[in-house]
Amino acid sequence: MNQSLDLAFSALSDATRRAILSRLAIGEATVMELAAPFAMTQPAISRHLRVLEEAGLITRRVEGAKRPCRLAPKGLAGIDEWLGLFRRALEANYSRLDEVLAIQAKRRKDKN
């Protein structure tokens, strides 16, 4: 899983690729539709798509001359799972902090 995460985070390190993923979150799009908002050539966008595809973040299918792209749930699930580790750790830390603050508040109240 580490290699796939490395590929995913490397792919996500580029602002254009993050923007492409944001667009694909809305729904499937062709290369030309994805290239429209950027001041770059279709081959440059295709290179970005290749990186995203190799990282397992998008999939492409052949539809005649078009190759529509969509998000790849499995690739995104790996990132979400990894981030979930940190989410759970932060939640546990906040719960402990809440407990400490509640004890301190009770002590202050008992003193008064």
PDB file of N, CA and C in Angstrom:
ATOM      1  N   MET A   1       0.824  -1.200   0.000  1.00  0.00           N
ATOM      2  CA  MET A   1       0.000   0.000   0.000  1.00  0.00           C
ATOM      3  C   MET A   1       0.861   1.254   0.000  1.00  0.00           C
ATOM      4  N   ASN A   2       2.069   1.199   0.552  1.00  0.00           N
ATOM      5  CA  ASN A   2       2.916   2.386   0.610  1.00  0.00           C
ATOM      6  C   ASN A   2       3.253   2.918  -0.771  1.00  0.00           C
ATOM      7  N   GLN A   3       3.569   2.016  -1.714  1.00  0.00           N
ATOM      8  CA  GLN A   3       3.913   2.475  -3.054  1.00  0.00           C
ATOM      9  C   GLN A   3       2.716   3.150  -3.720  1.00  0.00           C
ATOM     10  N   SER A   4       1.531   2.598  -3.540  1.00  0.00           N
ATOM     11  CA  SER A   4       0.355   3.218  -4.155  1.00  0.00           C
ATOM     12  C   SER A   4       0.070   4.574  -3.515  1.00  0.00           C
ATOM     13  N   LEU A   5       0.287   4.680  -2.197  1.00  0.00           N
ATOM     14  CA  LEU A   5       0.117   5.982  -1.545  1.00  0.00           C
ATOM     15  C   LEU A   5       1.156   6.974  -2.029  1.00  0.00           C
ATOM     16  N   ASP A   6       2.395   6.515  -2.205  1.00  0.00           N
ATOM     17  CA  ASP A   6       3.441   7.401  -2.714  1.00  0.00           C
ATOM     18  C   ASP A   6       3.066   7.930  -4.094  1.00  0.00           C
ATOM     19  N   LEU A   7       2.583   7.047  -4.952  1.00  0.00           N
ATOM     20  CA  LEU A   7       2.164   7.472  -6.297  1.00  0.00           C
ATOM     21  C   LEU A   7       0.998   8.446  -6.220  1.00  0.00           C
ATOM     22  N   ALA A   8       0.037   8.155  -5.350  1.00  0.00           N
ATOM     23  CA  ALA A   8      -1.138   9.019  -5.229  1.00  0.00           C
ATOM     24  C   ALA A   8      -0.744  10.402  -4.728  1.00  0.00           C
ATOM     25  N   PHE A   9       0.047  10.458  -3.666  1.00  0.00           N
ATOM     26  CA  PHE A   9       0.421  11.765  -3.128  1.00  0.00           C
ATOM     27  C   PHE A   9       1.360  12.521  -4.066  1.00  0.00           C
ATOM     28  N   SER A  10       2.177  11.802  -4.795  1.00  0.00           N
ATOM     29  CA  SER A  10       3.014  12.458  -5.800  1.00  0.00           C
ATOM     30  C   SER A  10       2.131  13.076  -6.878  1.00  0.00           C
ATOM     31  N   ALA A  11       1.115  12.328  -7.316  1.00  0.00           N
ATOM     32  CA  ALA A  11       0.182  12.853  -8.319  1.00  0.00           C
ATOM     33  C   ALA A  11      -0.563  14.064  -7.779  1.00  0.00           C
ATOM     34  N   LEU A  12      -0.943  14.013  -6.506  1.00  0.00           N
ATOM     35  CA  LEU A  12      -1.698  15.111  -5.897  1.00  0.00           C
ATOM     36  C   LEU A  12      -0.841  16.331  -5.591  1.00  0.00           C
ATOM     37  N   SER A  13       0.461  16.203  -5.724  1.00  0.00           N
ATOM     38  CA  SER A  13       1.336  17.341  -5.416  1.00  0.00           C
ATOM     39  C   SER A  13       1.243  18.456  -6.455  1.00  0.00           C
ATOM     40  N   ASP A  14       0.635  18.171  -7.585  1.00  0.00           N
ATOM     41  CA  ASP A  14       0.518  19.145  -8.664  1.00  0.00           C
ATOM     42  C   ASP A  14      -0.873  19.796  -8.655  1.00  0.00           C
ATOM     43  N   ALA A  15      -0.902  21.117  -8.678  1.00  0.00           N
ATOM     44  CA  ALA A  15      -2.175  21.866  -8.620  1.00  0.00           C
ATOM     45  C   ALA A  15      -3.090  21.549  -9.809  1.00  0.00           C
ATOM     46  N   THR A  16      -2.523  21.365 -10.976  1.00  0.00           N
ATOM     47  CA  THR A  16      -3.347  21.050 -12.154  1.00  0.00           C
ATOM     48  C   THR A  16      -4.033  19.704 -11.963  1.00  0.00           C
ATOM     49  N   ARG A  17      -3.299  18.725 -11.465  1.00  0.00           N
ATOM     50  CA  ARG A  17      -3.901  17.406 -11.262  1.00  0.00           C
ATOM     51  C   ARG A  17      -4.971  17.451 -10.173  1.00  0.00           C
ATOM     52  N   ARG A  18      -4.749  18.241  -9.130  1.00  0.00           N
ATOM     53  CA  ARG A  18      -5.792  18.385  -8.105  1.00  0.00           C
ATOM     54  C   ARG A  18      -7.035  19.043  -8.704  1.00  0.00           C
ATOM     55  N   ALA A  19      -6.839  20.023  -9.563  1.00  0.00           N
ATOM     56  CA  ALA A  19      -7.973  20.685 -10.214  1.00  0.00           C
ATOM     57  C   ALA A  19      -8.721  19.711 -11.125  1.00  0.00           C
ATOM     58  N   ILE A  20      -7.990  18.872 -11.808  1.00  0.00           N
ATOM     59  CA  ILE A  20      -8.621  17.861 -12.661  1.00  0.00           C
ATOM     60  C   ILE A  20      -9.469  16.919 -11.813  1.00  0.00           C
ATOM     61  N   LEU A  21      -8.936  16.472 -10.686  1.00  0.00           N
ATOM     62  CA  LEU A  21      -9.709  15.593  -9.807  1.00  0.00           C
ATOM     63  C   LEU A  21     -10.949  16.293  -9.280  1.00  0.00           C
ATOM     64  N   SER A  22     -10.810  17.580  -8.946  1.00  0.00           N
ATOM     65  CA  SER A  22     -11.976  18.343  -8.476  1.00  0.00           C
ATOM     66  C   SER A  22     -13.046  18.388  -9.554  1.00  0.00           C
ATOM     67  N   ARG A  23     -12.634  18.586 -10.788  1.00  0.00           N
ATOM     68  CA  ARG A  23     -13.601  18.605 -11.897  1.00  0.00           C
ATOM     69  C   ARG A  23     -14.260  17.247 -12.062  1.00  0.00           C
ATOM     70  N   LEU A  24     -13.469  16.173 -11.927  1.00  0.00           N
ATOM     71  CA  LEU A  24     -14.022  14.829 -12.099  1.00  0.00           C
ATOM     72  C   LEU A  24     -14.940  14.441 -10.941  1.00  0.00           C
ATOM     73  N   ALA A  25     -14.830  15.125  -9.823  1.00  0.00           N
ATOM     74  CA  ALA A  25     -15.748  14.864  -8.704  1.00  0.00           C
ATOM     75  C   ALA A  25     -17.172  15.225  -9.102  1.00  0.00           C
ATOM     76  N   ILE A  26     -17.324  16.123 -10.066  1.00  0.00           N
ATOM     77  CA  ILE A  26     -18.646  16.516 -10.571  1.00  0.00           C
ATOM     78  C   ILE A  26     -19.209  15.425 -11.473  1.00  0.00           C
ATOM     79  N   GLY A  27     -18.316  14.761 -12.204  1.00  0.00           N
ATOM     80  CA  GLY A  27     -18.743  13.709 -13.113  1.00  0.00           C
ATOM     81  C   GLY A  27     -17.713  13.455 -14.192  1.00  0.00           C
ATOM     82  N   GLU A  28     -17.953  12.442 -14.961  1.00  0.00           N
ATOM     83  CA  GLU A  28     -17.076  12.032 -16.046  1.00  0.00           C
ATOM     84  C   GLU A  28     -16.842  13.184 -17.029  1.00  0.00           C
ATOM     85  N   ALA A  29     -15.626  13.236 -17.609  1.00  0.00           N
ATOM     86  CA  ALA A  29     -15.305  14.286 -18.583  1.00  0.00           C
ATOM     87  C   ALA A  29     -14.281  13.762 -19.582  1.00  0.00           C
ATOM     88  N   THR A  30     -14.327  14.332 -20.775  1.00  0.00           N
ATOM     89  CA  THR A  30     -13.345  13.982 -21.807  1.00  0.00           C
ATOM     90  C   THR A  30     -12.073  14.792 -21.593  1.00  0.00           C
ATOM     91  N   VAL A  31     -11.029  14.411 -22.294  1.00  0.00           N
ATOM     92  CA  VAL A  31      -9.757  15.124 -22.206  1.00  0.00           C
ATOM     93  C   VAL A  31      -9.946  16.587 -22.610  1.00  0.00           C
ATOM     94  N   MET A  32     -10.698  16.824 -23.664  1.00  0.00           N
ATOM     95  CA  MET A  32     -10.902  18.204 -24.126  1.00  0.00           C
ATOM     96  C   MET A  32     -11.684  19.015 -23.095  1.00  0.00           C
ATOM     97  N   GLU A  33     -12.668  18.407 -22.467  1.00  0.00           N
ATOM     98  CA  GLU A  33     -13.423  19.105 -21.416  1.00  0.00           C
ATOM     99  C   GLU A  33     -12.523  19.425 -20.234  1.00  0.00           C
ATOM    100  N   LEU A  34     -11.637  18.502 -19.912  1.00  0.00           N
ATOM    101  CA  LEU A  34     -10.716  18.734 -18.800  1.00  0.00           C
ATOM    102  C   LEU A  34      -9.667  19.782 -19.144  1.00  0.00           C
ATOM    103  N   ALA A  35      -9.280  19.848 -20.416  1.00  0.00           N
ATOM    104  CA  ALA A  35      -8.251  20.801 -20.842  1.00  0.00           C
ATOM    105  C   ALA A  35      -8.782  22.230 -20.932  1.00  0.00           C
ATOM    106  N   ALA A  36     -10.090  22.400 -21.130  1.00  0.00           N
ATOM    107  CA  ALA A  36     -10.684  23.715 -21.394  1.00  0.00           C
ATOM    108  C   ALA A  36     -10.266  24.828 -20.423  1.00  0.00           C
ATOM    109  N   PRO A  37     -10.293  24.616 -19.113  1.00  0.00           N
ATOM    110  CA  PRO A  37      -9.983  25.731 -18.215  1.00  0.00           C
ATOM    111  C   PRO A  37      -8.485  26.048 -18.082  1.00  0.00           C
ATOM    112  N   PHE A  38      -7.634  25.238 -18.684  1.00  0.00           N
ATOM    113  CA  PHE A  38      -6.195  25.410 -18.514  1.00  0.00           C
ATOM    114  C   PHE A  38      -5.552  26.004 -19.755  1.00  0.00           C
ATOM    115  N   ALA A  39      -4.525  26.769 -19.540  1.00  0.00           N
ATOM    116  CA  ALA A  39      -3.758  27.347 -20.648  1.00  0.00           C
ATOM    117  C   ALA A  39      -2.626  26.380 -20.998  1.00  0.00           C
ATOM    118  N   MET A  40      -3.011  25.190 -21.423  1.00  0.00           N
ATOM    119  CA  MET A  40      -2.011  24.208 -21.830  1.00  0.00           C
ATOM    120  C   MET A  40      -2.588  23.347 -22.942  1.00  0.00           C
ATOM    121  N   THR A  41      -1.721  22.657 -23.591  1.00  0.00           N
ATOM    122  CA  THR A  41      -2.123  21.850 -24.744  1.00  0.00           C
ATOM    123  C   THR A  41      -2.810  20.563 -24.288  1.00  0.00           C
ATOM    124  N   GLN A  42      -3.510  19.958 -25.228  1.00  0.00           N
ATOM    125  CA  GLN A  42      -4.153  18.675 -24.948  1.00  0.00           C
ATOM    126  C   GLN A  42      -3.115  17.612 -24.583  1.00  0.00           C
ATOM    127  N   PRO A  43      -1.954  17.566 -25.272  1.00  0.00           N
ATOM    128  CA  PRO A  43      -0.944  16.577 -24.860  1.00  0.00           C
ATOM    129  C   PRO A  43      -0.448  16.804 -23.422  1.00  0.00           C
ATOM    130  N   ALA A  44      -0.352  18.043 -22.990  1.00  0.00           N
ATOM    131  CA  ALA A  44       0.076  18.318 -21.611  1.00  0.00           C
ATOM    132  C   ALA A  44      -0.969  17.805 -20.623  1.00  0.00           C
ATOM    133  N   ILE A  45      -2.233  18.042 -20.924  1.00  0.00           N
ATOM    134  CA  ILE A  45      -3.310  17.524 -20.066  1.00  0.00           C
ATOM    135  C   ILE A  45      -3.282  15.999 -20.077  1.00  0.00           C
ATOM    136  N   SER A  46      -3.041  15.413 -21.226  1.00  0.00           N
ATOM    137  CA  SER A  46      -2.972  13.947 -21.325  1.00  0.00           C
ATOM    138  C   SER A  46      -1.855  13.394 -20.443  1.00  0.00           C
ATOM    139  N   ARG A  47      -0.733  14.098 -20.357  1.00  0.00           N
ATOM    140  CA  ARG A  47       0.358  13.657 -19.476  1.00  0.00           C
ATOM    141  C   ARG A  47      -0.104  13.689 -18.011  1.00  0.00           C
ATOM    142  N   HIS A  48      -0.814  14.755 -17.631  1.00  0.00           N
ATOM    143  CA  HIS A  48      -1.349  14.827 -16.268  1.00  0.00           C
ATOM    144  C   HIS A  48      -2.318  13.667 -16.013  1.00  0.00           C
ATOM    145  N   LEU A  49      -3.149  13.378 -16.990  1.00  0.00           N
ATOM    146  CA  LEU A  49      -4.113  12.281 -16.847  1.00  0.00           C
ATOM    147  C   LEU A  49      -3.403  10.943 -16.716  1.00  0.00           C
ATOM    148  N   ARG A  50      -2.317  10.772 -17.451  1.00  0.00           N
ATOM    149  CA  ARG A  50      -1.549   9.531 -17.374  1.00  0.00           C
ATOM    150  C   ARG A  50      -0.990   9.338 -15.953  1.00  0.00           C
ATOM    151  N   VAL A  51      -0.488  10.436 -15.353  1.00  0.00           N
ATOM    152  CA  VAL A  51       0.031  10.367 -13.976  1.00  0.00           C
ATOM    153  C   VAL A  51      -1.091   9.979 -13.016  1.00  0.00           C
ATOM    154  N   LEU A  52      -2.250  10.615 -13.166  1.00  0.00           N
ATOM    155  CA  LEU A  52      -3.393  10.305 -12.298  1.00  0.00           C
ATOM    156  C   LEU A  52      -3.847   8.860 -12.479  1.00  0.00           C
ATOM    157  N   GLU A  53      -3.824   8.397 -13.722  1.00  0.00           N
ATOM    158  CA  GLU A  53      -4.237   7.022 -13.997  1.00  0.00           C
ATOM    159  C   GLU A  53      -3.232   6.024 -13.424  1.00  0.00           C
ATOM    160  N   GLU A  54      -1.943   6.288 -13.583  1.00  0.00           N
ATOM    161  CA  GLU A  54      -0.905   5.407 -13.041  1.00  0.00           C
ATOM    162  C   GLU A  54      -0.961   5.365 -11.512  1.00  0.00           C
ATOM    163  N   ALA A  55      -1.401   6.465 -10.902  1.00  0.00           N
ATOM    164  CA  ALA A  55      -1.540   6.518  -9.446  1.00  0.00           C
ATOM    165  C   ALA A  55      -2.824   5.849  -8.982  1.00  0.00           C
ATOM    166  N   GLY A  56      -3.659   5.434  -9.930  1.00  0.00           N
ATOM    167  CA  GLY A  56      -4.903   4.757  -9.583  1.00  0.00           C
ATOM    168  C   GLY A  56      -6.005   5.695  -9.130  1.00  0.00           C
ATOM    169  N   LEU A  57      -5.876   6.988  -9.441  1.00  0.00           N
ATOM    170  CA  LEU A  57      -6.863   7.977  -9.003  1.00  0.00           C
ATOM    171  C   LEU A  57      -7.980   8.202 -10.013  1.00  0.00           C
ATOM    172  N   ILE A  58      -7.715   7.869 -11.280  1.00  0.00           N
ATOM    173  CA  ILE A  58      -8.746   7.979 -12.313  1.00  0.00           C
ATOM    174  C   ILE A  58      -8.726   6.729 -13.180  1.00  0.00           C
ATOM    175  N   THR A  59      -9.820   6.533 -13.895  1.00  0.00           N
ATOM    176  CA  THR A  59      -9.879   5.489 -14.911  1.00  0.00           C
ATOM    177  C   THR A  59     -10.361   6.141 -16.203  1.00  0.00           C
ATOM    178  N   ARG A  60      -9.997   5.518 -17.298  1.00  0.00           N
ATOM    179  CA  ARG A  60     -10.460   5.996 -18.607  1.00  0.00           C
ATOM    180  C   ARG A  60     -11.068   4.811 -19.338  1.00  0.00           C
ATOM    181  N   ARG A  61     -12.073   5.117 -20.131  1.00  0.00           N
ATOM    182  CA  ARG A  61     -12.674   4.077 -20.964  1.00  0.00           C
ATOM    183  C   ARG A  61     -12.687   4.579 -22.395  1.00  0.00           C
ATOM    184  N   VAL A  62     -12.705   3.658 -23.319  1.00  0.00           N
ATOM    185  CA  VAL A  62     -12.728   4.011 -24.733  1.00  0.00           C
ATOM    186  C   VAL A  62     -14.176   4.080 -25.183  1.00  0.00           C
ATOM    187  N   GLU A  63     -14.522   5.212 -25.779  1.00  0.00           N
ATOM    188  CA  GLU A  63     -15.865   5.426 -26.323  1.00  0.00           C
ATOM    189  C   GLU A  63     -15.679   6.029 -27.710  1.00  0.00           C
ATOM    190  N   GLY A  64     -15.466   5.170 -28.685  1.00  0.00           N
ATOM    191  CA  GLY A  64     -15.147   5.653 -30.024  1.00  0.00           C
ATOM    192  C   GLY A  64     -13.792   6.339 -30.010  1.00  0.00           C
ATOM    193  N   ALA A  65     -13.763   7.589 -30.487  1.00  0.00           N
ATOM    194  CA  ALA A  65     -12.516   8.355 -30.490  1.00  0.00           C
ATOM    195  C   ALA A  65     -12.261   9.039 -29.149  1.00  0.00           C
ATOM    196  N   LYS A  66     -13.254   9.039 -28.283  1.00  0.00           N
ATOM    197  CA  LYS A  66     -13.125   9.713 -26.983  1.00  0.00           C
ATOM    198  C   LYS A  66     -12.627   8.741 -25.921  1.00  0.00           C
ATOM    199  N   ARG A  67     -11.983   9.300 -24.889  1.00  0.00           N
ATOM    200  CA  ARG A  67     -11.543   8.499 -23.744  1.00  0.00           C
ATOM    201  C   ARG A  67     -11.992   9.207 -22.472  1.00  0.00           C
ATOM    202  N   PRO A  68     -13.286   9.134 -22.149  1.00  0.00           N
ATOM    203  CA  PRO A  68     -13.778   9.813 -20.952  1.00  0.00           C
ATOM    204  C   PRO A  68     -13.071   9.315 -19.691  1.00  0.00           C
ATOM    205  N   CYS A  69     -12.864  10.262 -18.767  1.00  0.00           N
ATOM    206  CA  CYS A  69     -12.187   9.973 -17.502  1.00  0.00           C
ATOM    207  C   CYS A  69     -13.191  10.065 -16.369  1.00  0.00           C
ATOM    208  N   ARG A  70     -12.926   9.309 -15.325  1.00  0.00           N
ATOM    209  CA  ARG A  70     -13.740   9.386 -14.110  1.00  0.00           C
ATOM    210  C   ARG A  70     -12.844   9.070 -12.920  1.00  0.00           C
ATOM    211  N   LEU A  71     -13.315   9.452 -11.746  1.00  0.00           N
ATOM    212  CA  LEU A  71     -12.578   9.146 -10.527  1.00  0.00           C
ATOM    213  C   LEU A  71     -12.561   7.637 -10.314  1.00  0.00           C
ATOM    214  N   ALA A  72     -11.486   7.150  -9.731  1.00  0.00           N
ATOM    215  CA  ALA A  72     -11.360   5.734  -9.409  1.00  0.00           C
ATOM    216  C   ALA A  72     -11.565   5.559  -7.912  1.00  0.00           C
ATOM    217  N   PRO A  73     -12.727   5.084  -7.505  1.00  0.00           N
ATOM    218  CA  PRO A  73     -13.031   4.967  -6.072  1.00  0.00           C
ATOM    219  C   PRO A  73     -11.982   4.191  -5.277  1.00  0.00           C
ATOM    220  N   LYS A  74     -11.426   3.139  -5.859  1.00  0.00           N
ATOM    221  CA  LYS A  74     -10.460   2.304  -5.136  1.00  0.00           C
ATOM    222  C   LYS A  74      -9.208   3.107  -4.784  1.00  0.00           C
ATOM    223  N   GLY A  75      -8.706   3.911  -5.713  1.00  0.00           N
ATOM    224  CA  GLY A  75      -7.518   4.723  -5.446  1.00  0.00           C
ATOM    225  C   GLY A  75      -7.775   5.772  -4.390  1.00  0.00           C
ATOM    226  N   LEU A  76      -8.940   6.380  -4.446  1.00  0.00           N
ATOM    227  CA  LEU A  76      -9.294   7.393  -3.459  1.00  0.00           C
ATOM    228  C   LEU A  76      -9.567   6.764  -2.105  1.00  0.00           C
ATOM    229  N   ALA A  77     -10.057   5.532  -2.095  1.00  0.00           N
ATOM    230  CA  ALA A  77     -10.332   4.837  -0.827  1.00  0.00           C
ATOM    231  C   ALA A  77      -9.044   4.592  -0.057  1.00  0.00           C
ATOM    232  N   GLY A  78      -7.960   4.285  -0.758  1.00  0.00           N
ATOM    233  CA  GLY A  78      -6.672   4.076  -0.098  1.00  0.00           C
ATOM    234  C   GLY A  78      -6.189   5.323   0.616  1.00  0.00           C
ATOM    235  N   ILE A  79      -6.367   6.462  -0.030  1.00  0.00           N
ATOM    236  CA  ILE A  79      -5.984   7.739   0.589  1.00  0.00           C
ATOM    237  C   ILE A  79      -6.877   8.004   1.792  1.00  0.00           C
ATOM    238  N   ASP A  80      -8.171   7.779   1.619  1.00  0.00           N
ATOM    239  CA  ASP A  80      -9.114   8.021   2.704  1.00  0.00           C
ATOM    240  C   ASP A  80      -8.814   7.125   3.903  1.00  0.00           C
ATOM    241  N   GLU A  81      -8.467   5.882   3.641  1.00  0.00           N
ATOM    242  CA  GLU A  81      -8.128   4.944   4.720  1.00  0.00           C
ATOM    243  C   GLU A  81      -6.901   5.438   5.487  1.00  0.00           C
ATOM    244  N   TRP A  82      -5.883   5.876   4.761  1.00  0.00           N
ATOM    245  CA  TRP A  82      -4.660   6.375   5.390  1.00  0.00           C
ATOM    246  C   TRP A  82      -4.952   7.629   6.216  1.00  0.00           C
ATOM    247  N   LEU A  83      -5.732   8.540   5.649  1.00  0.00           N
ATOM    248  CA  LEU A  83      -6.096   9.748   6.384  1.00  0.00           C
ATOM    249  C   LEU A  83      -6.979   9.423   7.584  1.00  0.00           C
ATOM    250  N   GLY A  84      -7.758   8.360   7.478  1.00  0.00           N
ATOM    251  CA  GLY A  84      -8.612   7.937   8.581  1.00  0.00           C
ATOM    252  C   GLY A  84      -7.826   7.606   9.836  1.00  0.00           C
ATOM    253  N   LEU A  85      -6.616   7.073   9.653  1.00  0.00           N
ATOM    254  CA  LEU A  85      -5.754   6.806  10.809  1.00  0.00           C
ATOM    255  C   LEU A  85      -5.513   8.083  11.596  1.00  0.00           C
ATOM    256  N   PHE A  86      -5.236   9.154  10.897  1.00  0.00           N
ATOM    257  CA  PHE A  86      -4.966  10.435  11.543  1.00  0.00           C
ATOM    258  C   PHE A  86      -6.245  11.048  12.101  1.00  0.00           C
ATOM    259  N   ARG A  87      -7.339  10.865  11.376  1.00  0.00           N
ATOM    260  CA  ARG A  87      -8.624  11.370  11.853  1.00  0.00           C
ATOM    261  C   ARG A  87      -8.977  10.743  13.199  1.00  0.00           C
ATOM    262  N   ARG A  88      -8.807   9.433  13.288  1.00  0.00           N
ATOM    263  CA  ARG A  88      -9.112   8.730  14.538  1.00  0.00           C
ATOM    264  C   ARG A  88      -8.164   9.149  15.650  1.00  0.00           C
ATOM    265  N   ALA A  89      -6.887   9.329  15.339  1.00  0.00           N
ATOM    266  CA  ALA A  89      -5.922   9.767  16.356  1.00  0.00           C
ATOM    267  C   ALA A  89      -6.274  11.162  16.860  1.00  0.00           C
ATOM    268  N   LEU A  90      -6.644  12.062  15.954  1.00  0.00           N
ATOM    269  CA  LEU A  90      -7.027  13.412  16.367  1.00  0.00           C
ATOM    270  C   LEU A  90      -8.290  13.397  17.214  1.00  0.00           C
ATOM    271  N   GLU A  91      -9.265  12.585  16.830  1.00  0.00           N
ATOM    272  CA  GLU A  91     -10.496  12.481  17.616  1.00  0.00           C
ATOM    273  C   GLU A  91     -10.202  11.986  19.024  1.00  0.00           C
ATOM    274  N   ALA A  92      -9.302  11.004  19.150  1.00  0.00           N
ATOM    275  CA  ALA A  92      -8.928  10.491  20.471  1.00  0.00           C
ATOM    276  C   ALA A  92      -8.220  11.579  21.275  1.00  0.00           C
ATOM    277  N   ASN A  93      -7.341  12.329  20.622  1.00  0.00           N
ATOM    278  CA  ASN A  93      -6.645  13.415  21.318  1.00  0.00           C
ATOM    279  C   ASN A  93      -7.624  14.492  21.786  1.00  0.00           C
ATOM    280  N   TYR A  94      -8.566  14.839  20.949  1.00  0.00           N
ATOM    281  CA  TYR A  94      -9.562  15.854  21.330  1.00  0.00           C
ATOM    282  C   TYR A  94     -10.455  15.348  22.453  1.00  0.00           C
ATOM    283  N   SER A  95     -10.769  14.057  22.438  1.00  0.00           N
ATOM    284  CA  SER A  95     -11.578  13.497  23.522  1.00  0.00           C
ATOM    285  C   SER A  95     -10.829  13.576  24.845  1.00  0.00           C
ATOM    286  N   ARG A  96      -9.543  13.236  24.821  1.00  0.00           N
ATOM    287  CA  ARG A  96      -8.737  13.337  26.041  1.00  0.00           C
ATOM    288  C   ARG A  96      -8.639  14.781  26.505  1.00  0.00           C
ATOM    289  N   LEU A  97      -8.466  15.697  25.571  1.00  0.00           N
ATOM    290  CA  LEU A  97      -8.401  17.116  25.916  1.00  0.00           C
ATOM    291  C   LEU A  97      -9.716  17.579  26.530  1.00  0.00           C
ATOM    292  N   ASP A  98     -10.836  17.154  25.955  1.00  0.00           N
ATOM    293  CA  ASP A  98     -12.150  17.497  26.519  1.00  0.00           C
ATOM    294  C   ASP A  98     -12.267  17.010  27.961  1.00  0.00           C
ATOM    295  N   GLU A  99     -11.775  15.780  28.210  1.00  0.00           N
ATOM    296  CA  GLU A  99     -11.826  15.231  29.567  1.00  0.00           C
ATOM    297  C   GLU A  99     -10.990  16.067  30.538  1.00  0.00           C
ATOM    298  N   VAL A 100      -9.784  16.429  30.137  1.00  0.00           N
ATOM    299  CA  VAL A 100      -8.901  17.245  30.983  1.00  0.00           C
ATOM    300  C   VAL A 100      -9.537  18.603  31.253  1.00  0.00           C
ATOM    301  N   LEU A 101     -10.073  19.225  30.227  1.00  0.00           N
ATOM    302  CA  LEU A 101     -10.708  20.535  30.412  1.00  0.00           C
ATOM    303  C   LEU A 101     -11.929  20.443  31.321  1.00  0.00           C
ATOM    304  N   ALA A 102     -12.692  19.360  31.205  1.00  0.00           N
ATOM    305  CA  ALA A 102     -13.863  19.174  32.068  1.00  0.00           C
ATOM    306  C   ALA A 102     -13.431  19.010  33.527  1.00  0.00           C
ATOM    307  N   ILE A 103     -12.370  18.260  33.757  1.00  0.00           N
ATOM    308  CA  ILE A 103     -11.844  18.084  35.118  1.00  0.00           C
ATOM    309  C   ILE A 103     -11.366  19.421  35.680  1.00  0.00           C
ATOM    310  N   GLN A 104     -10.642  20.183  34.871  1.00  0.00           N
ATOM    311  CA  GLN A 104     -10.159  21.489  35.328  1.00  0.00           C
ATOM    312  C   GLN A 104     -11.320  22.438  35.629  1.00  0.00           C
ATOM    313  N   ALA A 105     -12.336  22.431  34.785  1.00  0.00           N
ATOM    314  CA  ALA A 105     -13.491  23.284  34.999  1.00  0.00           C
ATOM    315  C   ALA A 105     -14.194  22.896  36.284  1.00  0.00           C
ATOM    316  N   LYS A 106     -14.318  21.600  36.535  1.00  0.00           N
ATOM    317  CA  LYS A 106     -14.961  21.124  37.760  1.00  0.00           C
ATOM    318  C   LYS A 106     -14.153  21.550  38.986  1.00  0.00           C
ATOM    319  N   ARG A 107     -12.844  21.445  38.910  1.00  0.00           N
ATOM    320  CA  ARG A 107     -11.984  21.850  40.033  1.00  0.00           C
ATOM    321  C   ARG A 107     -12.143  23.349  40.312  1.00  0.00           C
ATOM    322  N   ARG A 108     -12.183  24.144  39.254  1.00  0.00           N
ATOM    323  CA  ARG A 108     -12.352  25.598  39.429  1.00  0.00           C
ATOM    324  C   ARG A 108     -13.707  25.894  40.069  1.00  0.00           C
ATOM    325  N   LYS A 109     -14.730  25.182  39.612  1.00  0.00           N
ATOM    326  CA  LYS A 109     -16.078  25.383  40.141  1.00  0.00           C
ATOM    327  C   LYS A 109     -16.139  24.983  41.614  1.00  0.00           C
ATOM    328  N   ASP A 110     -15.485  23.858  41.952  1.00  0.00           N
ATOM    329  CA  ASP A 110     -15.479  23.378  43.338  1.00  0.00           C
ATOM    330  C   ASP A 110     -14.727  24.336  44.273  1.00  0.00           C
ATOM    331  N   LYS A 111     -13.711  25.018  43.756  1.00  0.00           N
ATOM    332  CA  LYS A 111     -12.948  25.986  44.563  1.00  0.00           C
ATOM    333  C   LYS A 111     -13.792  27.217  44.897  1.00  0.00           C
ATOM    334  N   ASN A 112     -14.682  27.575  44.011  1.00  0.00           N
ATOM    335  CA  ASN A 112     -15.498  28.792  44.194  1.00  0.00           C
ATOM    336  C   ASN A 112     -16.681  28.480  44.980  1.00  0.00           C
TER     337      ASN A 112
END
